[in-house]
Amino acid sequence: MDLWYTIVFTVFPYLCLTTFVLGHGYRYVTDRYGWNARSSEFLEKKRLFAGSVIFHAGIILTFFGHAGGLLIPQRVFDAFGIDAQGHMAIAFWSGLTVGVAAFAGVLLLGWRRLGQPRLKIVTTVNDAVTLAALTFVIGAGLFNVVFGHYNVLYSVAPWIRGIVSFTPDAALMRGVPLGYQIHVTAAWALLGFSPFSRLVHIWSAPLFYLLRPPILFRRRAGHLPPA
C-alpha cells in the first residue's frame, strides 16, 4: 500500500509535470503551425460563443480559486481573520459557482461539437478525448463540492504544496476520500496530456493586447472625378 501511494501521489504527479513542461517545449519547437485551438468558429459561431464564454470564465476562475485556496497556507488566512471554517465556506460557495459554470460550459461545447453533422465530421479522436477528459475532471470536482464536504486544508492542500516545493508527502492523501483522490489524479493526467492536444492554446492568451497602443483609423472621403 505504501508503494501504491508513493506511485500515485508522488511519482505520477512529477511524471505529469515533466511531460507538461517538456511536452510543451517540444511541441512549440516542432509544431508551431499546429500551436492553436483549431477553432471551428467558421462552421458555427452562435453556440460556440455561449459555451466558450461560460466555460472559460468558469475554468479560469476555478484555476485561480484552486491556486489561492490550496497553495496559500491556512495560517495566512488566519492572519487576515479568516479561520478554517470561514475558508471552507468561501471555498464551497465559490467552487460551486465557478464549477457549475465550467461544467455547463464544457457540456455546451461537447453538445455543439458532437450534435452538429458539420462539426462532428471535423472532430478528431484527440478532440473527443480532450472534451471527455475536461468533462470528467470538472465533473468530479463539482461532485466533491456538492457531496464531498471534506476539509482539504490539512490533507490535500499541504500535499499539493509539498509537490510544488519538492517535498512531497504521499501519506497526507491516505485519509482523503476516494472521490478527491480520483479528481486530483485525473487533473494531473489532464495536465500531462495537454501538450498533445488543442489545450496548448492556454499559452496563447492575448494578454499583451491589453497593453498594446490603440490603432487609429481615419476615413478620408473620396473625391469624385469631374463630370
Protein backbone atom coordinates (compact mmCIF):
# COMPACT_ATOMS: atom_id res chain seq x y z
CA MET A 1 0.00 0.00 0.00
CA ASP A 2 2.86 2.41 0.77
CA LEU A 3 4.34 1.73 -2.66
CA TRP A 4 0.95 2.33 -4.28
CA TYR A 5 0.52 5.70 -2.57
CA THR A 6 4.06 6.68 -3.48
CA ILE A 7 3.49 5.85 -7.15
CA VAL A 8 0.08 7.55 -7.42
CA PHE A 9 0.68 10.60 -5.23
CA THR A 10 4.39 11.24 -5.72
CA VAL A 11 5.78 9.62 -8.87
CA PHE A 12 2.72 10.20 -11.06
CA PRO A 13 2.36 13.97 -10.37
CA TYR A 14 6.03 14.59 -11.18
CA LEU A 15 5.75 12.44 -14.31
CA CYS A 16 2.80 14.56 -15.45
CA LEU A 17 4.57 17.82 -14.60
CA THR A 18 7.68 16.73 -16.50
CA THR A 19 5.57 15.77 -19.50
CA PHE A 20 3.74 19.09 -19.24
CA VAL A 21 6.96 21.15 -19.34
CA LEU A 22 8.98 19.12 -21.83
CA GLY A 23 5.96 18.32 -23.99
CA HIS A 24 5.00 21.95 -24.47
CA GLY A 25 8.60 22.91 -25.22
CA TYR A 26 9.00 20.12 -27.76
CA ARG A 27 5.72 20.85 -29.48
CA TYR A 28 6.47 24.57 -29.69
CA VAL A 29 9.78 23.83 -31.41
CA THR A 30 8.49 21.12 -33.76
CA ASP A 31 4.86 22.10 -34.43
CA ARG A 32 4.47 25.87 -34.32
CA TYR A 33 1.87 25.86 -37.09
CA GLY A 34 -0.26 23.49 -35.02
CA TRP A 35 0.07 25.64 -31.90
CA ASN A 36 -3.52 26.84 -31.81
CA ALA A 37 -7.01 25.96 -30.64
CA ARG A 38 -8.10 24.85 -34.13
CA SER A 39 -11.24 26.90 -33.78
CA SER A 40 -14.36 25.79 -35.61
CA GLU A 41 -15.94 29.23 -35.44
CA PHE A 42 -16.26 29.48 -39.21
CA LEU A 43 -18.53 26.41 -39.15
CA GLU A 44 -20.77 27.56 -36.30
CA LYS A 45 -20.50 30.69 -34.19
CA LYS A 46 -23.60 31.24 -32.07
CA ARG A 47 -23.37 28.16 -29.82
CA LEU A 48 -19.59 28.43 -29.69
CA PHE A 49 -19.79 31.91 -28.21
CA ALA A 50 -22.15 30.90 -25.41
CA GLY A 51 -20.32 27.70 -24.48
CA SER A 52 -16.85 29.18 -24.81
CA VAL A 53 -17.54 32.25 -22.67
CA ILE A 54 -19.20 30.25 -19.89
CA PHE A 55 -16.52 27.55 -19.94
CA HIS A 56 -13.52 29.87 -19.99
CA ALA A 57 -14.93 32.11 -17.29
CA GLY A 58 -15.59 29.10 -15.08
CA ILE A 59 -12.30 27.29 -15.71
CA ILE A 60 -10.10 30.38 -15.30
CA LEU A 61 -11.76 31.31 -12.00
CA THR A 62 -11.53 27.67 -10.93
CA PHE A 63 -7.79 27.71 -11.57
CA PHE A 64 -7.24 30.85 -9.52
CA GLY A 65 -9.52 29.53 -6.79
CA HIS A 66 -7.52 26.31 -6.55
CA ALA A 67 -4.25 28.22 -6.57
CA GLY A 68 -5.35 30.59 -3.82
CA GLY A 69 -7.12 28.03 -1.70
CA LEU A 70 -4.58 25.21 -1.88
CA LEU A 71 -1.21 26.91 -2.30
CA ILE A 72 -1.71 29.55 0.41
CA PRO A 73 -1.35 28.02 3.90
CA GLN A 74 -4.20 28.40 6.37
CA ARG A 75 -2.00 30.46 8.70
CA VAL A 76 -2.02 33.24 6.10
CA PHE A 77 -5.82 33.26 6.11
CA ASP A 78 -5.75 33.21 9.92
CA ALA A 79 -3.61 36.35 9.86
CA PHE A 80 -6.39 38.08 7.93
CA GLY A 81 -9.09 36.87 10.31
CA ILE A 82 -10.39 34.02 8.14
CA ASP A 83 -10.44 30.80 10.14
CA ALA A 84 -10.62 27.30 8.67
CA GLN A 85 -14.42 27.21 8.82
CA GLY A 86 -14.70 30.52 7.00
CA HIS A 87 -12.12 29.41 4.48
CA MET A 88 -14.08 26.24 3.72
CA ALA A 89 -17.31 28.22 3.39
CA ILE A 90 -15.69 30.54 0.87
CA ALA A 91 -14.24 27.56 -0.98
CA PHE A 92 -17.63 25.83 -1.10
CA TRP A 93 -19.70 28.68 -2.47
CA SER A 94 -17.08 29.99 -4.87
CA GLY A 95 -16.24 26.45 -6.00
CA LEU A 96 -19.91 25.68 -6.55
CA THR A 97 -20.43 28.82 -8.62
CA VAL A 98 -17.42 28.52 -10.90
CA GLY A 99 -17.68 24.72 -11.03
CA VAL A 100 -21.23 24.87 -12.33
CA ALA A 101 -20.16 27.44 -14.92
CA ALA A 102 -17.19 25.37 -16.11
CA PHE A 103 -19.23 22.15 -16.20
CA ALA A 104 -22.14 23.78 -18.03
CA GLY A 105 -19.72 25.35 -20.48
CA VAL A 106 -17.90 22.13 -21.35
CA LEU A 107 -21.23 20.33 -21.78
CA LEU A 108 -22.40 23.04 -24.16
CA LEU A 109 -19.17 22.77 -26.14
CA GLY A 110 -19.46 18.99 -26.30
CA TRP A 111 -23.13 19.12 -27.32
CA ARG A 112 -22.31 21.69 -30.01
CA ARG A 113 -19.42 19.70 -31.46
CA LEU A 114 -21.00 16.25 -31.37
CA GLY A 115 -24.55 17.32 -32.12
CA GLN A 116 -23.99 19.02 -35.45
CA PRO A 117 -23.01 16.98 -38.52
CA ARG A 118 -20.60 19.59 -39.94
CA LEU A 119 -18.69 19.80 -36.66
CA LYS A 120 -18.84 16.09 -35.95
CA ILE A 121 -17.10 15.35 -39.24
CA VAL A 122 -14.08 17.55 -38.38
CA THR A 123 -13.88 16.35 -34.77
CA THR A 124 -10.81 14.17 -34.25
CA VAL A 125 -10.29 11.44 -31.67
CA ASN A 126 -7.96 13.83 -29.85
CA ASP A 127 -10.73 16.44 -29.68
CA ALA A 128 -13.18 13.91 -28.25
CA VAL A 129 -10.66 12.70 -25.67
CA THR A 130 -9.91 16.28 -24.62
CA LEU A 131 -13.60 17.10 -24.16
CA ALA A 132 -14.20 13.85 -22.27
CA ALA A 133 -11.20 14.46 -20.00
CA LEU A 134 -12.27 18.02 -19.24
CA THR A 135 -15.82 16.87 -18.52
CA PHE A 136 -14.60 14.13 -16.19
CA VAL A 137 -12.15 16.30 -14.23
CA ILE A 138 -14.60 19.19 -13.84
CA GLY A 139 -17.50 16.85 -13.08
CA ALA A 140 -15.50 15.00 -10.42
CA GLY A 141 -14.52 18.27 -8.79
CA LEU A 142 -18.09 19.56 -8.82
CA PHE A 143 -19.32 16.25 -7.37
CA ASN A 144 -16.89 16.62 -4.49
CA VAL A 145 -18.04 20.17 -3.84
CA VAL A 146 -21.71 19.19 -3.73
CA PHE A 147 -21.48 15.81 -2.00
CA GLY A 148 -17.98 15.63 -0.51
CA HIS A 149 -17.88 18.30 2.21
CA TYR A 150 -14.37 17.18 3.14
CA ASN A 151 -11.87 19.55 4.75
CA VAL A 152 -8.89 19.59 2.40
CA LEU A 153 -6.94 22.27 4.27
CA TYR A 154 -4.87 19.82 6.29
CA SER A 155 -4.51 16.99 3.79
CA VAL A 156 -4.86 17.77 0.08
CA ALA A 157 -3.65 21.37 0.39
CA PRO A 158 -0.33 20.59 2.17
CA TRP A 159 0.18 17.65 -0.20
CA ILE A 160 -0.15 19.99 -3.20
CA ARG A 161 2.23 22.48 -1.60
CA GLY A 162 4.67 19.63 -0.99
CA ILE A 163 4.57 18.67 -4.67
CA VAL A 164 5.26 22.28 -5.68
CA SER A 165 8.09 22.71 -3.16
CA PHE A 166 9.61 19.30 -3.98
CA THR A 167 8.87 17.95 -0.51
CA PRO A 168 6.03 15.52 -1.31
CA ASP A 169 4.33 13.51 1.41
CA ALA A 170 2.04 10.86 -0.04
CA ALA A 171 0.90 9.88 3.47
CA LEU A 172 -1.21 13.06 3.59
CA MET A 173 -3.53 11.50 0.99
CA ARG A 174 -4.24 8.34 3.00
CA GLY A 175 -7.41 9.52 4.69
CA VAL A 176 -8.69 11.52 1.73
CA PRO A 177 -11.99 10.23 0.28
CA LEU A 178 -11.78 8.33 -2.98
CA GLY A 179 -13.67 11.00 -4.93
CA TYR A 180 -11.00 13.59 -4.12
CA GLN A 181 -8.21 11.16 -4.95
CA ILE A 182 -9.79 10.45 -8.33
CA HIS A 183 -10.24 14.16 -9.02
CA VAL A 184 -6.63 15.14 -8.32
CA THR A 185 -5.22 12.12 -10.17
CA ALA A 186 -7.36 12.86 -13.23
CA ALA A 187 -6.31 16.51 -13.08
CA TRP A 188 -2.62 15.51 -13.13
CA ALA A 189 -3.31 13.20 -16.08
CA LEU A 190 -5.04 16.01 -17.98
CA LEU A 191 -2.06 18.26 -17.26
CA GLY A 192 0.28 15.67 -18.75
CA PHE A 193 -1.96 15.17 -21.78
CA SER A 194 -2.35 18.87 -22.56
CA PRO A 195 0.83 19.29 -24.68
CA PHE A 196 -0.56 16.79 -27.17
CA SER A 197 -3.96 18.44 -27.55
CA ARG A 198 -5.52 21.74 -28.51
CA LEU A 199 -5.11 22.81 -24.89
CA VAL A 200 -1.72 24.26 -25.86
CA HIS A 201 -3.56 27.47 -26.68
CA ILE A 202 -3.62 28.30 -22.96
CA TRP A 203 -0.18 29.82 -23.59
CA SER A 204 -1.53 31.98 -26.40
CA ALA A 205 -3.93 34.06 -24.34
CA PRO A 206 -3.92 37.58 -25.85
CA LEU A 207 -2.88 39.29 -22.61
CA PHE A 208 -0.48 41.66 -24.38
CA TYR A 209 -3.37 43.11 -26.35
CA LEU A 210 -4.38 44.89 -23.15
CA LEU A 211 -1.07 46.82 -23.24
CA ARG A 212 -0.93 47.40 -26.97
CA PRO A 213 -1.41 51.04 -28.02
CA PRO A 214 -4.68 51.72 -29.81
CA ILE A 215 -4.81 51.65 -33.58
CA LEU A 216 -6.26 54.78 -35.16
CA PHE A 217 -8.35 54.54 -38.27
CA ARG A 218 -9.11 57.67 -40.27
CA ARG A 219 -11.62 57.79 -43.03
CA ARG A 220 -10.94 60.15 -45.89
CA ALA A 221 -13.81 60.96 -48.19
CA GLY A 222 -13.19 60.10 -51.79
CA HIS A 223 -13.33 62.73 -54.45
CA LEU A 224 -15.49 62.13 -57.45
CA PRO A 225 -13.88 62.87 -60.78
CA PRO A 226 -15.22 65.91 -62.56
CA ALA A 227 -18.14 65.29 -64.90
